[in-house]
Structure formats: C-alpha cells, structure tokens
Amino acid sequence: METTPPLSRAQILQSIKDFLDESSPAKPRQCRHCGDAMRFIDSNFLLRGTTLNWNVSLPFCGNCDREILENLPRPETIH
C-alpha cells in the first residue's frame, strides 16, 4: 500500500487559508426550512500559533435556530 507523504506545516496553513478565503458562499436570504429571513453573526476565526485570521458572517435562522440567540453573549458582557 502506497502512503502519501505528510504535508509540511506551511502546506497545511496554506490549505486552511485557501479554504477560508475561497469558501465564503453567497449569503442565503431565506431559511430553507421555514422561509424566514436569515440573520447573521459576525465571527472572527483565528488560527492558533499564526497571525492568520478571518472575519466571517455566519448565517442562522432566528426561528429554527433559537438556541443560538439564547447562547449569544449580551452586549453588556462583552469586553
């Protein structure tokens, strides 16, 4: 059985960077389950041990994904 040589750290970092840079799909406007308007959470992804970071708007449905709203920190608790 032939084995694939392991990727270097630089190759892995580049693959992750390419994925996050290229995988920002078109933002859905309506929930595919209930039809409600989608909402978005601005999120920041950091790759530990590097200076790489991304700001990504993650879509969610306020109707189908209510637990997301319950678990978000309140503005007064963010420092």
N, C-alpha and C. Protein backbone atom coordinates (compact mmCIF):
# COMPACT_ATOMS: atom_id res chain seq x y z
N MET A 1 0.84 -1.17 0.00
CA MET A 1 0.00 0.00 0.00
C MET A 1 0.89 1.24 0.00
N GLU A 2 0.56 2.15 -0.87
CA GLU A 2 1.34 3.39 -1.01
C GLU A 2 0.83 4.43 -0.03
N THR A 3 1.76 5.09 0.66
CA THR A 3 1.36 6.13 1.60
C THR A 3 1.70 7.50 1.04
N THR A 4 0.89 8.46 1.40
CA THR A 4 1.10 9.84 0.99
C THR A 4 2.03 10.49 2.00
N PRO A 5 3.04 11.19 1.52
CA PRO A 5 3.94 11.85 2.48
C PRO A 5 3.18 12.93 3.24
N PRO A 6 3.54 13.14 4.51
CA PRO A 6 2.84 14.15 5.30
C PRO A 6 3.08 15.55 4.75
N LEU A 7 2.08 16.41 4.93
CA LEU A 7 2.21 17.79 4.48
C LEU A 7 3.05 18.58 5.48
N SER A 8 3.76 19.55 4.98
CA SER A 8 4.52 20.43 5.87
C SER A 8 3.56 21.38 6.57
N ARG A 9 4.02 22.01 7.63
CA ARG A 9 3.21 22.99 8.36
C ARG A 9 2.78 24.12 7.42
N ALA A 10 3.70 24.58 6.59
CA ALA A 10 3.39 25.66 5.64
C ALA A 10 2.30 25.23 4.65
N GLN A 11 2.35 23.99 4.19
CA GLN A 11 1.34 23.50 3.26
C GLN A 11 -0.04 23.41 3.94
N ILE A 12 -0.05 22.95 5.18
CA ILE A 12 -1.31 22.85 5.91
C ILE A 12 -1.89 24.24 6.14
N LEU A 13 -1.07 25.18 6.58
CA LEU A 13 -1.54 26.55 6.79
C LEU A 13 -2.08 27.15 5.51
N GLN A 14 -1.39 26.93 4.40
CA GLN A 14 -1.83 27.47 3.12
C GLN A 14 -3.16 26.86 2.70
N SER A 15 -3.33 25.56 2.94
CA SER A 15 -4.59 24.89 2.60
C SER A 15 -5.75 25.46 3.41
N ILE A 16 -5.53 25.68 4.70
CA ILE A 16 -6.58 26.25 5.55
C ILE A 16 -6.91 27.67 5.09
N LYS A 17 -5.87 28.46 4.83
CA LYS A 17 -6.07 29.83 4.36
C LYS A 17 -6.85 29.85 3.05
N ASP A 18 -6.46 29.02 2.11
CA ASP A 18 -7.16 28.96 0.82
C ASP A 18 -8.63 28.58 1.01
N PHE A 19 -8.88 27.60 1.88
CA PHE A 19 -10.25 27.16 2.13
C PHE A 19 -11.10 28.29 2.69
N LEU A 20 -10.60 28.97 3.72
CA LEU A 20 -11.39 30.05 4.33
C LEU A 20 -11.52 31.25 3.42
N ASP A 21 -10.51 31.53 2.62
CA ASP A 21 -10.58 32.65 1.68
C ASP A 21 -11.58 32.39 0.56
N GLU A 22 -11.66 31.15 0.10
CA GLU A 22 -12.48 30.82 -1.07
C GLU A 22 -13.85 30.27 -0.74
N SER A 23 -14.07 29.87 0.50
CA SER A 23 -15.32 29.18 0.79
C SER A 23 -16.37 30.08 1.41
N SER A 24 -16.36 31.34 1.07
CA SER A 24 -17.44 32.20 1.56
C SER A 24 -18.56 32.18 0.54
N PRO A 25 -19.53 31.28 0.74
CA PRO A 25 -20.62 31.14 -0.22
C PRO A 25 -21.53 32.36 -0.21
N ALA A 26 -22.36 32.44 -1.23
CA ALA A 26 -23.35 33.52 -1.28
C ALA A 26 -24.21 33.41 -0.03
N LYS A 27 -24.52 34.54 0.55
CA LYS A 27 -25.29 34.54 1.79
C LYS A 27 -26.76 34.26 1.50
N PRO A 28 -27.30 33.21 2.16
CA PRO A 28 -28.72 32.91 1.94
C PRO A 28 -29.59 34.01 2.54
N ARG A 29 -30.66 34.33 1.85
CA ARG A 29 -31.57 35.38 2.33
C ARG A 29 -32.74 34.81 3.12
N GLN A 30 -33.10 33.55 2.82
CA GLN A 30 -34.22 32.93 3.50
C GLN A 30 -33.83 31.54 3.98
N CYS A 31 -34.41 31.14 5.10
CA CYS A 31 -34.18 29.81 5.66
C CYS A 31 -34.77 28.77 4.71
N ARG A 32 -34.02 27.75 4.42
CA ARG A 32 -34.52 26.72 3.51
C ARG A 32 -35.56 25.81 4.16
N HIS A 33 -35.68 25.89 5.50
CA HIS A 33 -36.65 25.05 6.21
C HIS A 33 -37.98 25.76 6.45
N CYS A 34 -37.92 27.03 6.91
CA CYS A 34 -39.17 27.70 7.28
C CYS A 34 -39.46 28.94 6.43
N GLY A 35 -38.47 29.43 5.68
CA GLY A 35 -38.69 30.58 4.82
C GLY A 35 -38.47 31.93 5.48
N ASP A 36 -38.18 31.95 6.80
CA ASP A 36 -37.91 33.23 7.48
C ASP A 36 -36.62 33.86 6.95
N ALA A 37 -36.51 35.16 7.15
CA ALA A 37 -35.30 35.87 6.74
C ALA A 37 -34.12 35.41 7.60
N MET A 38 -32.98 35.22 6.97
CA MET A 38 -31.78 34.80 7.68
C MET A 38 -31.18 35.99 8.42
N ARG A 39 -30.53 35.69 9.54
CA ARG A 39 -29.78 36.68 10.31
C ARG A 39 -28.33 36.24 10.27
N PHE A 40 -27.43 37.14 10.65
CA PHE A 40 -26.01 36.83 10.56
C PHE A 40 -25.27 37.22 11.83
N ILE A 41 -24.34 36.38 12.22
CA ILE A 41 -23.47 36.64 13.36
C ILE A 41 -22.08 36.90 12.81
N ASP A 42 -21.53 38.07 13.12
CA ASP A 42 -20.16 38.36 12.71
C ASP A 42 -19.22 37.58 13.61
N SER A 43 -18.37 36.76 13.00
CA SER A 43 -17.48 35.89 13.75
C SER A 43 -16.05 36.09 13.29
N ASN A 44 -15.14 35.91 14.22
CA ASN A 44 -13.73 36.06 13.92
C ASN A 44 -13.05 34.72 14.16
N PHE A 45 -12.41 34.19 13.14
CA PHE A 45 -11.68 32.93 13.24
C PHE A 45 -10.19 33.22 13.27
N LEU A 46 -9.52 32.69 14.27
CA LEU A 46 -8.08 32.84 14.41
C LEU A 46 -7.44 31.47 14.31
N LEU A 47 -6.33 31.38 13.64
CA LEU A 47 -5.60 30.12 13.55
C LEU A 47 -4.47 30.18 14.57
N ARG A 48 -4.64 29.44 15.64
CA ARG A 48 -3.72 29.47 16.78
C ARG A 48 -2.27 29.24 16.33
N GLY A 49 -1.39 30.05 16.89
CA GLY A 49 0.03 29.91 16.58
C GLY A 49 0.44 30.63 15.32
N THR A 50 -0.51 31.36 14.69
CA THR A 50 -0.20 32.11 13.47
C THR A 50 -0.78 33.51 13.60
N THR A 51 -0.54 34.31 12.60
CA THR A 51 -1.15 35.64 12.55
C THR A 51 -2.36 35.66 11.62
N LEU A 52 -2.80 34.48 11.17
CA LEU A 52 -3.92 34.38 10.24
C LEU A 52 -5.24 34.52 10.98
N ASN A 53 -6.14 35.35 10.44
CA ASN A 53 -7.49 35.47 10.99
C ASN A 53 -8.44 35.88 9.88
N TRP A 54 -9.72 35.54 10.10
CA TRP A 54 -10.77 35.82 9.13
C TRP A 54 -11.99 36.35 9.85
N ASN A 55 -12.67 37.30 9.24
CA ASN A 55 -13.96 37.77 9.72
C ASN A 55 -15.01 37.16 8.80
N VAL A 56 -15.92 36.41 9.39
CA VAL A 56 -16.91 35.67 8.61
C VAL A 56 -18.29 35.94 9.19
N SER A 57 -19.27 36.22 8.33
CA SER A 57 -20.67 36.36 8.76
C SER A 57 -21.32 35.00 8.63
N LEU A 58 -21.70 34.43 9.76
CA LEU A 58 -22.33 33.11 9.76
C LEU A 58 -23.84 33.26 9.78
N PRO A 59 -24.53 32.64 8.81
CA PRO A 59 -25.99 32.77 8.75
C PRO A 59 -26.68 31.84 9.75
N PHE A 60 -27.82 32.28 10.27
CA PHE A 60 -28.68 31.43 11.09
C PHE A 60 -30.11 31.93 10.96
N CYS A 61 -31.04 31.06 11.28
CA CYS A 61 -32.45 31.40 11.24
C CYS A 61 -32.92 31.66 12.67
N GLY A 62 -33.45 32.84 12.93
CA GLY A 62 -33.94 33.19 14.26
C GLY A 62 -35.11 32.32 14.70
N ASN A 63 -35.79 31.71 13.76
CA ASN A 63 -36.92 30.84 14.08
C ASN A 63 -36.45 29.40 14.33
N CYS A 64 -35.69 28.84 13.43
CA CYS A 64 -35.26 27.44 13.54
C CYS A 64 -34.08 27.27 14.51
N ASP A 65 -33.27 28.29 14.65
CA ASP A 65 -32.05 28.19 15.47
C ASP A 65 -32.13 29.10 16.70
N ARG A 66 -33.23 29.04 17.42
CA ARG A 66 -33.45 29.94 18.56
C ARG A 66 -32.39 29.80 19.64
N GLU A 67 -31.85 28.58 19.79
CA GLU A 67 -30.84 28.38 20.84
C GLU A 67 -29.59 29.22 20.59
N ILE A 68 -29.34 29.59 19.35
CA ILE A 68 -28.20 30.46 19.05
C ILE A 68 -28.40 31.81 19.72
N LEU A 69 -29.61 32.35 19.59
CA LEU A 69 -29.89 33.65 20.20
C LEU A 69 -29.79 33.59 21.72
N GLU A 70 -30.20 32.47 22.29
CA GLU A 70 -30.14 32.32 23.75
C GLU A 70 -28.71 32.23 24.25
N ASN A 71 -27.80 31.70 23.44
CA ASN A 71 -26.43 31.48 23.86
C ASN A 71 -25.48 32.62 23.51
N LEU A 72 -25.95 33.61 22.76
CA LEU A 72 -25.08 34.73 22.41
C LEU A 72 -24.84 35.60 23.64
N PRO A 73 -23.60 36.07 23.82
CA PRO A 73 -23.36 36.97 24.95
C PRO A 73 -24.11 38.29 24.75
N ARG A 74 -24.60 38.84 25.81
CA ARG A 74 -25.26 40.14 25.77
C ARG A 74 -24.20 41.22 25.55
N PRO A 75 -24.54 42.31 24.85
CA PRO A 75 -23.55 43.36 24.58
C PRO A 75 -22.87 43.88 25.85
N GLU A 76 -23.61 43.95 26.94
CA GLU A 76 -23.02 44.49 28.18
C GLU A 76 -22.00 43.54 28.81
N THR A 77 -21.95 42.27 28.35
CA THR A 77 -20.99 41.32 28.92
C THR A 77 -19.73 41.18 28.07
N ILE A 78 -19.71 41.80 26.92
CA ILE A 78 -18.54 41.71 26.03
C ILE A 78 -17.57 42.83 26.38
N HIS A 79 -16.32 42.47 26.62
CA HIS A 79 -15.31 43.46 26.99
C HIS A 79 -14.23 43.54 25.94
